[in-house]
Amino acid sequence: MLRFALTRLTLVVPTFIGITLLVHRRLFDARIRSTSSFGDIAILLLLYAQLILGLASIGVSLDHLDGHEMVKFMTWAQGILTLQPGVADLIANAHPIFKAHLFLGMTIFLVFPFTRLVHVWSAPIWYLGRRGYQVVRSDGRRPAASRARPVPAE
């Protein structure tokens, strides 16, 4: 179980760094902030909070190295998916960090269809076989025709 906690920690650190960079870019880059909706920022902050709760749960998990607590959560999740009544009693005595982590996770599942995160389900596989091309963005100072290749003088 200790190895499991250390593995989680090694996976969380790069994720924490990456989502910190994403949050900073989304909030402090003026161009990206102007195209971001409330839902884009909210779901990113929810994911950030979920990651922090997951990171905080590592320390609590070290108090339960026998795995009994995790078996309770697995049984709870199976009960939720199979619509078993009374399954909430399994996690009634769980640590509040675990409960908050579960609540926020279910909240993310509820909100993500209404944000751009829903595009994770529509990944275009055909991108893998396409020919490469470069997207050129205009800064608005010159008309697009003037950026065409110059014609040799006669």
N, C-alpha and C. Protein backbone atom coordinates (compact mmCIF):
# COMPACT_ATOMS: atom_id res chain seq x y z
N MET A 1 0.82 -1.19 0.00
CA MET A 1 0.00 0.00 0.00
C MET A 1 0.86 1.26 0.00
N LEU A 2 2.00 1.19 0.68
CA LEU A 2 2.90 2.33 0.67
C LEU A 2 3.41 2.59 -0.74
N ARG A 3 3.68 1.51 -1.47
CA ARG A 3 4.13 1.66 -2.86
C ARG A 3 3.04 2.32 -3.70
N PHE A 4 1.79 1.97 -3.43
CA PHE A 4 0.66 2.57 -4.14
C PHE A 4 0.61 4.07 -3.87
N ALA A 5 0.81 4.48 -2.61
CA ALA A 5 0.79 5.90 -2.27
C ALA A 5 1.94 6.64 -2.94
N LEU A 6 3.11 6.04 -2.99
CA LEU A 6 4.24 6.68 -3.64
C LEU A 6 4.04 6.78 -5.15
N THR A 7 3.42 5.77 -5.73
CA THR A 7 3.12 5.81 -7.16
C THR A 7 2.14 6.94 -7.46
N ARG A 8 1.11 7.07 -6.62
CA ARG A 8 0.16 8.17 -6.81
C ARG A 8 0.86 9.50 -6.71
N LEU A 9 1.76 9.62 -5.76
CA LEU A 9 2.47 10.88 -5.58
C LEU A 9 3.31 11.22 -6.81
N THR A 10 3.98 10.22 -7.39
CA THR A 10 4.81 10.50 -8.57
C THR A 10 3.96 10.84 -9.79
N LEU A 11 2.72 10.38 -9.84
CA LEU A 11 1.83 10.73 -10.95
C LEU A 11 1.16 12.07 -10.74
N VAL A 12 0.94 12.44 -9.48
CA VAL A 12 0.24 13.69 -9.18
C VAL A 12 1.14 14.90 -9.39
N VAL A 13 2.42 14.79 -9.10
CA VAL A 13 3.30 15.95 -9.20
C VAL A 13 3.35 16.52 -10.62
N PRO A 14 3.60 15.72 -11.67
CA PRO A 14 3.58 16.31 -13.02
C PRO A 14 2.19 16.83 -13.40
N THR A 15 1.14 16.16 -12.95
CA THR A 15 -0.22 16.62 -13.23
C THR A 15 -0.46 17.96 -12.55
N PHE A 16 0.00 18.10 -11.32
CA PHE A 16 -0.15 19.35 -10.57
C PHE A 16 0.59 20.49 -11.28
N ILE A 17 1.80 20.22 -11.75
CA ILE A 17 2.56 21.24 -12.47
C ILE A 17 1.83 21.63 -13.76
N GLY A 18 1.36 20.63 -14.49
CA GLY A 18 0.66 20.91 -15.75
C GLY A 18 -0.62 21.70 -15.57
N ILE A 19 -1.43 21.33 -14.60
CA ILE A 19 -2.70 22.05 -14.42
C ILE A 19 -2.45 23.44 -13.85
N THR A 20 -1.38 23.61 -13.06
CA THR A 20 -1.02 24.94 -12.59
C THR A 20 -0.66 25.83 -13.76
N LEU A 21 0.10 25.30 -14.71
CA LEU A 21 0.45 26.08 -15.91
C LEU A 21 -0.80 26.40 -16.73
N LEU A 22 -1.72 25.45 -16.84
CA LEU A 22 -2.97 25.70 -17.59
C LEU A 22 -3.82 26.77 -16.93
N VAL A 23 -3.96 26.70 -15.60
CA VAL A 23 -4.75 27.70 -14.89
C VAL A 23 -4.12 29.08 -15.04
N HIS A 24 -2.81 29.15 -14.88
CA HIS A 24 -2.12 30.44 -15.03
C HIS A 24 -2.31 31.00 -16.43
N ARG A 25 -2.16 30.16 -17.43
CA ARG A 25 -2.30 30.61 -18.82
C ARG A 25 -3.74 31.06 -19.09
N ARG A 26 -4.71 30.30 -18.61
CA ARG A 26 -6.12 30.63 -18.85
C ARG A 26 -6.51 31.93 -18.15
N LEU A 27 -5.96 32.20 -16.97
CA LEU A 27 -6.36 33.38 -16.21
C LEU A 27 -5.55 34.62 -16.53
N PHE A 28 -4.28 34.47 -16.91
CA PHE A 28 -3.42 35.63 -17.04
C PHE A 28 -2.96 35.96 -18.45
N ASP A 29 -3.26 35.14 -19.43
CA ASP A 29 -2.98 35.47 -20.83
C ASP A 29 -4.22 36.16 -21.39
N ALA A 30 -4.07 37.43 -21.76
CA ALA A 30 -5.23 38.23 -22.16
C ALA A 30 -5.96 37.65 -23.36
N ARG A 31 -5.22 37.14 -24.34
CA ARG A 31 -5.85 36.58 -25.54
C ARG A 31 -6.69 35.35 -25.20
N ILE A 32 -6.16 34.48 -24.35
CA ILE A 32 -6.89 33.27 -23.99
C ILE A 32 -8.03 33.60 -23.03
N ARG A 33 -7.80 34.52 -22.13
CA ARG A 33 -8.85 34.91 -21.18
C ARG A 33 -10.06 35.50 -21.90
N SER A 34 -9.80 36.25 -22.99
CA SER A 34 -10.91 36.87 -23.71
C SER A 34 -11.78 35.84 -24.45
N THR A 35 -11.22 34.70 -24.79
CA THR A 35 -12.00 33.67 -25.48
C THR A 35 -12.52 32.59 -24.53
N SER A 36 -12.25 32.73 -23.24
CA SER A 36 -12.68 31.74 -22.26
C SER A 36 -14.04 32.11 -21.69
N SER A 37 -14.89 31.12 -21.59
CA SER A 37 -16.18 31.34 -20.96
C SER A 37 -16.06 31.05 -19.46
N PHE A 38 -17.13 31.38 -18.74
CA PHE A 38 -17.16 31.07 -17.31
C PHE A 38 -17.02 29.56 -17.08
N GLY A 39 -17.66 28.77 -17.93
CA GLY A 39 -17.59 27.31 -17.81
C GLY A 39 -16.18 26.77 -18.00
N ASP A 40 -15.43 27.37 -18.93
CA ASP A 40 -14.05 26.93 -19.16
C ASP A 40 -13.19 27.14 -17.91
N ILE A 41 -13.33 28.30 -17.32
CA ILE A 41 -12.54 28.62 -16.14
C ILE A 41 -13.02 27.80 -14.95
N ALA A 42 -14.34 27.67 -14.80
CA ALA A 42 -14.90 26.95 -13.65
C ALA A 42 -14.49 25.48 -13.66
N ILE A 43 -14.58 24.82 -14.81
CA ILE A 43 -14.24 23.39 -14.84
C ILE A 43 -12.74 23.18 -14.59
N LEU A 44 -11.92 24.10 -15.07
CA LEU A 44 -10.49 24.00 -14.82
C LEU A 44 -10.19 24.17 -13.34
N LEU A 45 -10.86 25.11 -12.69
CA LEU A 45 -10.66 25.30 -11.25
C LEU A 45 -11.22 24.12 -10.45
N LEU A 46 -12.33 23.53 -10.92
CA LEU A 46 -12.85 22.33 -10.25
C LEU A 46 -11.86 21.17 -10.36
N LEU A 47 -11.27 21.00 -11.53
CA LEU A 47 -10.27 19.95 -11.70
C LEU A 47 -9.05 20.20 -10.82
N TYR A 48 -8.67 21.48 -10.70
CA TYR A 48 -7.55 21.86 -9.85
C TYR A 48 -7.85 21.52 -8.39
N ALA A 49 -9.06 21.86 -7.94
CA ALA A 49 -9.46 21.55 -6.57
C ALA A 49 -9.52 20.04 -6.35
N GLN A 50 -10.00 19.31 -7.34
CA GLN A 50 -10.07 17.84 -7.24
C GLN A 50 -8.67 17.26 -7.11
N LEU A 51 -7.73 17.79 -7.86
CA LEU A 51 -6.35 17.32 -7.78
C LEU A 51 -5.76 17.60 -6.40
N ILE A 52 -6.04 18.77 -5.86
CA ILE A 52 -5.54 19.11 -4.52
C ILE A 52 -6.15 18.20 -3.46
N LEU A 53 -7.46 17.92 -3.58
CA LEU A 53 -8.09 16.99 -2.64
C LEU A 53 -7.50 15.59 -2.77
N GLY A 54 -7.24 15.16 -3.98
CA GLY A 54 -6.62 13.86 -4.18
C GLY A 54 -5.23 13.80 -3.58
N LEU A 55 -4.50 14.90 -3.73
CA LEU A 55 -3.16 14.97 -3.15
C LEU A 55 -3.24 14.94 -1.62
N ALA A 56 -4.23 15.63 -1.07
CA ALA A 56 -4.40 15.64 0.38
C ALA A 56 -4.82 14.26 0.90
N SER A 57 -5.49 13.49 0.07
CA SER A 57 -5.95 12.17 0.52
C SER A 57 -4.81 11.16 0.63
N ILE A 58 -3.67 11.47 0.03
CA ILE A 58 -2.54 10.53 0.12
C ILE A 58 -2.09 10.38 1.56
N GLY A 59 -1.99 11.49 2.27
CA GLY A 59 -1.58 11.43 3.68
C GLY A 59 -2.57 10.65 4.53
N VAL A 60 -3.86 10.84 4.25
CA VAL A 60 -4.89 10.11 4.99
C VAL A 60 -4.84 8.62 4.64
N SER A 61 -4.54 8.32 3.38
CA SER A 61 -4.47 6.91 2.94
C SER A 61 -3.35 6.17 3.65
N LEU A 62 -2.31 6.87 4.05
CA LEU A 62 -1.20 6.22 4.74
C LEU A 62 -1.62 5.69 6.11
N ASP A 63 -2.75 6.20 6.65
CA ASP A 63 -3.25 5.67 7.91
C ASP A 63 -4.02 4.37 7.72
N HIS A 64 -4.30 4.01 6.48
CA HIS A 64 -5.09 2.81 6.17
C HIS A 64 -4.31 1.91 5.21
N LEU A 65 -3.15 1.47 5.63
CA LEU A 65 -2.29 0.70 4.74
C LEU A 65 -2.80 -0.72 4.48
N ASP A 66 -3.80 -1.16 5.24
CA ASP A 66 -4.33 -2.51 5.02
C ASP A 66 -5.26 -2.58 3.81
N GLY A 67 -5.68 -1.44 3.28
CA GLY A 67 -6.52 -1.41 2.10
C GLY A 67 -8.00 -1.53 2.38
N HIS A 68 -8.37 -1.64 3.63
CA HIS A 68 -9.78 -1.81 3.99
C HIS A 68 -10.62 -0.61 3.54
N GLU A 69 -10.09 0.58 3.71
CA GLU A 69 -10.82 1.80 3.32
C GLU A 69 -11.07 1.84 1.81
N MET A 70 -10.06 1.45 1.04
CA MET A 70 -10.22 1.46 -0.42
C MET A 70 -11.22 0.40 -0.88
N VAL A 71 -11.29 -0.73 -0.19
CA VAL A 71 -12.28 -1.76 -0.53
C VAL A 71 -13.68 -1.21 -0.29
N LYS A 72 -13.84 -0.41 0.78
CA LYS A 72 -15.14 0.22 1.03
C LYS A 72 -15.53 1.14 -0.12
N PHE A 73 -14.56 1.91 -0.62
CA PHE A 73 -14.85 2.83 -1.73
C PHE A 73 -15.16 2.07 -3.02
N MET A 74 -14.46 0.97 -3.24
CA MET A 74 -14.75 0.16 -4.44
C MET A 74 -16.16 -0.44 -4.35
N THR A 75 -16.52 -0.94 -3.18
CA THR A 75 -17.86 -1.50 -3.00
C THR A 75 -18.92 -0.41 -3.15
N TRP A 76 -18.64 0.78 -2.63
CA TRP A 76 -19.55 1.92 -2.78
C TRP A 76 -19.73 2.26 -4.25
N ALA A 77 -18.63 2.35 -5.00
CA ALA A 77 -18.71 2.70 -6.42
C ALA A 77 -19.49 1.64 -7.21
N GLN A 78 -19.26 0.37 -6.91
CA GLN A 78 -20.02 -0.69 -7.57
C GLN A 78 -21.50 -0.58 -7.24
N GLY A 79 -21.80 -0.25 -6.00
CA GLY A 79 -23.19 -0.08 -5.59
C GLY A 79 -23.86 1.10 -6.27
N ILE A 80 -23.11 2.18 -6.46
CA ILE A 80 -23.65 3.35 -7.16
C ILE A 80 -23.95 2.98 -8.61
N LEU A 81 -23.02 2.30 -9.27
CA LEU A 81 -23.21 1.96 -10.68
C LEU A 81 -24.31 0.93 -10.90
N THR A 82 -24.53 0.06 -9.93
CA THR A 82 -25.57 -0.95 -10.07
C THR A 82 -26.86 -0.55 -9.35
N LEU A 83 -26.93 0.70 -8.89
CA LEU A 83 -28.12 1.28 -8.26
C LEU A 83 -28.60 0.48 -7.04
N GLN A 84 -27.66 0.09 -6.19
CA GLN A 84 -28.00 -0.65 -4.98
C GLN A 84 -28.47 0.32 -3.89
N PRO A 85 -29.57 0.03 -3.22
CA PRO A 85 -30.03 0.93 -2.15
C PRO A 85 -29.16 0.79 -0.90
N GLY A 86 -29.02 1.88 -0.17
CA GLY A 86 -28.29 1.86 1.09
C GLY A 86 -26.80 1.81 0.97
N VAL A 87 -26.27 2.02 -0.21
CA VAL A 87 -24.83 1.90 -0.40
C VAL A 87 -24.08 3.09 0.22
N ALA A 88 -24.79 4.19 0.47
CA ALA A 88 -24.15 5.36 1.08
C ALA A 88 -23.67 5.07 2.49
N ASP A 89 -24.26 4.08 3.14
CA ASP A 89 -23.85 3.73 4.50
C ASP A 89 -22.42 3.21 4.54
N LEU A 90 -21.92 2.70 3.42
CA LEU A 90 -20.55 2.17 3.38
C LEU A 90 -19.51 3.25 3.63
N ILE A 91 -19.78 4.46 3.18
CA ILE A 91 -18.78 5.53 3.31
C ILE A 91 -19.19 6.57 4.36
N ALA A 92 -20.17 6.25 5.18
CA ALA A 92 -20.64 7.21 6.19
C ALA A 92 -19.54 7.58 7.17
N ASN A 93 -18.66 6.66 7.48
CA ASN A 93 -17.59 6.93 8.45
C ASN A 93 -16.26 7.25 7.79
N ALA A 94 -16.26 7.51 6.51
CA ALA A 94 -15.00 7.82 5.81
C ALA A 94 -14.51 9.21 6.22
N HIS A 95 -13.22 9.43 6.02
CA HIS A 95 -12.61 10.72 6.33
C HIS A 95 -13.25 11.81 5.46
N PRO A 96 -13.44 13.02 5.99
CA PRO A 96 -14.06 14.10 5.21
C PRO A 96 -13.33 14.44 3.91
N ILE A 97 -12.02 14.25 3.86
CA ILE A 97 -11.29 14.52 2.62
C ILE A 97 -11.75 13.56 1.53
N PHE A 98 -11.95 12.29 1.87
CA PHE A 98 -12.44 11.33 0.89
C PHE A 98 -13.85 11.69 0.41
N LYS A 99 -14.69 12.10 1.35
CA LYS A 99 -16.06 12.47 0.99
C LYS A 99 -16.07 13.69 0.08
N ALA A 100 -15.23 14.67 0.38
CA ALA A 100 -15.16 15.87 -0.46
C ALA A 100 -14.63 15.51 -1.85
N HIS A 101 -13.66 14.61 -1.90
CA HIS A 101 -13.09 14.16 -3.17
C HIS A 101 -14.17 13.45 -4.01
N LEU A 102 -14.96 12.60 -3.37
CA LEU A 102 -16.05 11.91 -4.08
C LEU A 102 -17.11 12.89 -4.55
N PHE A 103 -17.50 13.83 -3.68
CA PHE A 103 -18.52 14.81 -4.04
C PHE A 103 -18.08 15.67 -5.21
N LEU A 104 -16.84 16.15 -5.14
CA LEU A 104 -16.35 17.00 -6.23
C LEU A 104 -16.20 16.21 -7.52
N GLY A 105 -15.82 14.95 -7.43
CA GLY A 105 -15.72 14.12 -8.62
C GLY A 105 -17.07 13.94 -9.29
N MET A 106 -18.11 13.69 -8.49
CA MET A 106 -19.44 13.54 -9.06
C MET A 106 -19.95 14.87 -9.61
N THR A 107 -19.57 15.98 -8.97
CA THR A 107 -19.95 17.31 -9.47
C THR A 107 -19.31 17.56 -10.83
N ILE A 108 -18.07 17.17 -10.99
CA ILE A 108 -17.40 17.33 -12.28
C ILE A 108 -18.11 16.53 -13.36
N PHE A 109 -18.52 15.30 -13.03
CA PHE A 109 -19.29 14.50 -14.00
C PHE A 109 -20.60 15.18 -14.38
N LEU A 110 -21.21 15.88 -13.45
CA LEU A 110 -22.47 16.56 -13.73
C LEU A 110 -22.29 17.80 -14.60
N VAL A 111 -21.19 18.54 -14.38
CA VAL A 111 -21.02 19.81 -15.09
C VAL A 111 -20.30 19.69 -16.42
N PHE A 112 -19.48 18.68 -16.59
CA PHE A 112 -18.63 18.67 -17.78
C PHE A 112 -19.38 18.61 -19.10
N PRO A 113 -20.60 18.06 -19.20
CA PRO A 113 -21.28 18.11 -20.51
C PRO A 113 -21.63 19.53 -20.95
N PHE A 114 -21.62 20.47 -20.03
CA PHE A 114 -21.99 21.84 -20.34
C PHE A 114 -20.78 22.74 -20.53
N THR A 115 -19.59 22.14 -20.62
CA THR A 115 -18.36 22.89 -20.84
C THR A 115 -17.65 22.32 -22.07
N ARG A 116 -16.54 22.93 -22.41
CA ARG A 116 -15.76 22.43 -23.55
C ARG A 116 -15.07 21.10 -23.25
N LEU A 117 -15.09 20.70 -22.00
CA LEU A 117 -14.49 19.42 -21.63
C LEU A 117 -15.22 18.26 -22.29
N VAL A 118 -16.44 18.49 -22.73
CA VAL A 118 -17.22 17.44 -23.39
C VAL A 118 -16.53 16.97 -24.68
N HIS A 119 -15.66 17.78 -25.23
CA HIS A 119 -14.97 17.41 -26.46
C HIS A 119 -13.99 16.26 -26.26
N VAL A 120 -13.74 15.87 -25.02
CA VAL A 120 -12.88 14.72 -24.77
C VAL A 120 -13.52 13.46 -25.35
N TRP A 121 -14.84 13.43 -25.50
CA TRP A 121 -15.54 12.27 -26.04
C TRP A 121 -15.57 12.26 -27.56
N SER A 122 -15.22 13.36 -28.19
CA SER A 122 -15.30 13.42 -29.65
C SER A 122 -13.93 13.61 -30.28
N ALA A 123 -12.95 12.92 -29.78
CA ALA A 123 -11.60 13.04 -30.32
C ALA A 123 -11.58 12.53 -31.76
N PRO A 124 -11.20 13.39 -32.69
CA PRO A 124 -11.17 12.96 -34.10
C PRO A 124 -9.97 12.05 -34.37
N ILE A 125 -10.23 10.78 -34.48
CA ILE A 125 -9.17 9.80 -34.73
C ILE A 125 -8.52 10.03 -36.09
N TRP A 126 -9.27 10.60 -37.03
CA TRP A 126 -8.71 10.81 -38.36
C TRP A 126 -7.55 11.80 -38.34
N TYR A 127 -7.37 12.55 -37.25
CA TYR A 127 -6.20 13.44 -37.13
C TYR A 127 -4.90 12.66 -37.22
N LEU A 128 -4.92 11.41 -36.76
CA LEU A 128 -3.69 10.63 -36.73
C LEU A 128 -3.14 10.34 -38.13
N GLY A 129 -4.02 10.25 -39.14
CA GLY A 129 -3.57 9.91 -40.48
C GLY A 129 -3.54 11.07 -41.46
N ARG A 130 -3.82 12.28 -41.00
CA ARG A 130 -3.88 13.41 -41.92
C ARG A 130 -2.49 13.93 -42.27
N ARG A 131 -2.43 14.63 -43.37
CA ARG A 131 -1.17 15.27 -43.75
C ARG A 131 -1.00 16.53 -42.94
N GLY A 132 0.21 16.88 -42.63
CA GLY A 132 0.48 18.05 -41.81
C GLY A 132 0.24 19.34 -42.55
N TYR A 133 -0.21 20.32 -41.82
CA TYR A 133 -0.34 21.67 -42.37
C TYR A 133 -0.14 22.65 -41.24
N GLN A 134 0.12 23.89 -41.61
CA GLN A 134 0.41 24.92 -40.63
C GLN A 134 -0.74 25.92 -40.62
N VAL A 135 -1.21 26.26 -39.44
CA VAL A 135 -2.24 27.28 -39.30
C VAL A 135 -1.54 28.61 -39.10
N VAL A 136 -1.88 29.58 -39.94
CA VAL A 136 -1.28 30.91 -39.84
C VAL A 136 -2.38 31.86 -39.38
N ARG A 137 -2.13 32.54 -38.28
CA ARG A 137 -3.12 33.47 -37.73
C ARG A 137 -2.77 34.89 -38.15
N SER A 138 -3.78 35.67 -38.37
CA SER A 138 -3.60 37.06 -38.76
C SER A 138 -3.61 37.94 -37.52
N ASP A 139 -2.76 38.94 -37.48
CA ASP A 139 -2.79 39.87 -36.35
C ASP A 139 -3.69 41.07 -36.66
N GLY A 140 -4.28 41.09 -37.83
CA GLY A 140 -5.25 42.11 -38.19
C GLY A 140 -4.67 43.39 -38.76
N ARG A 141 -3.36 43.47 -38.89
CA ARG A 141 -2.75 44.70 -39.40
C ARG A 141 -2.71 44.76 -40.91
N ARG A 142 -2.56 43.62 -41.56
CA ARG A 142 -2.48 43.61 -43.02
C ARG A 142 -3.59 42.75 -43.57
N PRO A 143 -4.11 43.09 -44.73
CA PRO A 143 -5.09 42.20 -45.35
C PRO A 143 -4.44 40.88 -45.75
N ALA A 144 -5.22 39.85 -45.79
CA ALA A 144 -4.70 38.51 -46.08
C ALA A 144 -4.04 38.43 -47.44
N ALA A 145 -4.50 39.18 -48.43
CA ALA A 145 -3.94 39.11 -49.78
C ALA A 145 -2.49 39.58 -49.80
N SER A 146 -2.12 40.52 -48.95
CA SER A 146 -0.74 41.03 -48.99
C SER A 146 0.25 40.03 -48.40
N ARG A 147 -0.24 39.01 -47.72
CA ARG A 147 0.67 38.00 -47.16
C ARG A 147 0.92 36.86 -48.14
N ALA A 148 0.32 36.93 -49.30
CA ALA A 148 0.54 35.89 -50.30
C ALA A 148 1.98 35.96 -50.79
N ARG A 149 2.43 34.90 -51.44
CA ARG A 149 3.81 34.89 -51.94
C ARG A 149 4.00 36.02 -52.95
N PRO A 150 5.15 36.65 -52.89
CA PRO A 150 5.40 37.73 -53.85
C PRO A 150 5.55 37.18 -55.27
N VAL A 151 5.04 37.94 -56.20
CA VAL A 151 5.13 37.54 -57.60
C VAL A 151 6.41 38.15 -58.15
N PRO A 152 7.24 37.35 -58.84
CA PRO A 152 8.50 37.88 -59.38
C PRO A 152 8.23 38.99 -60.41
N ALA A 153 9.06 40.02 -60.36
CA ALA A 153 8.92 41.15 -61.27
C ALA A 153 9.32 40.72 -62.68
N GLU A 154 8.69 41.34 -63.67
CA GLU A 154 9.01 40.98 -65.06
C GLU A 154 10.03 41.88 -65.65
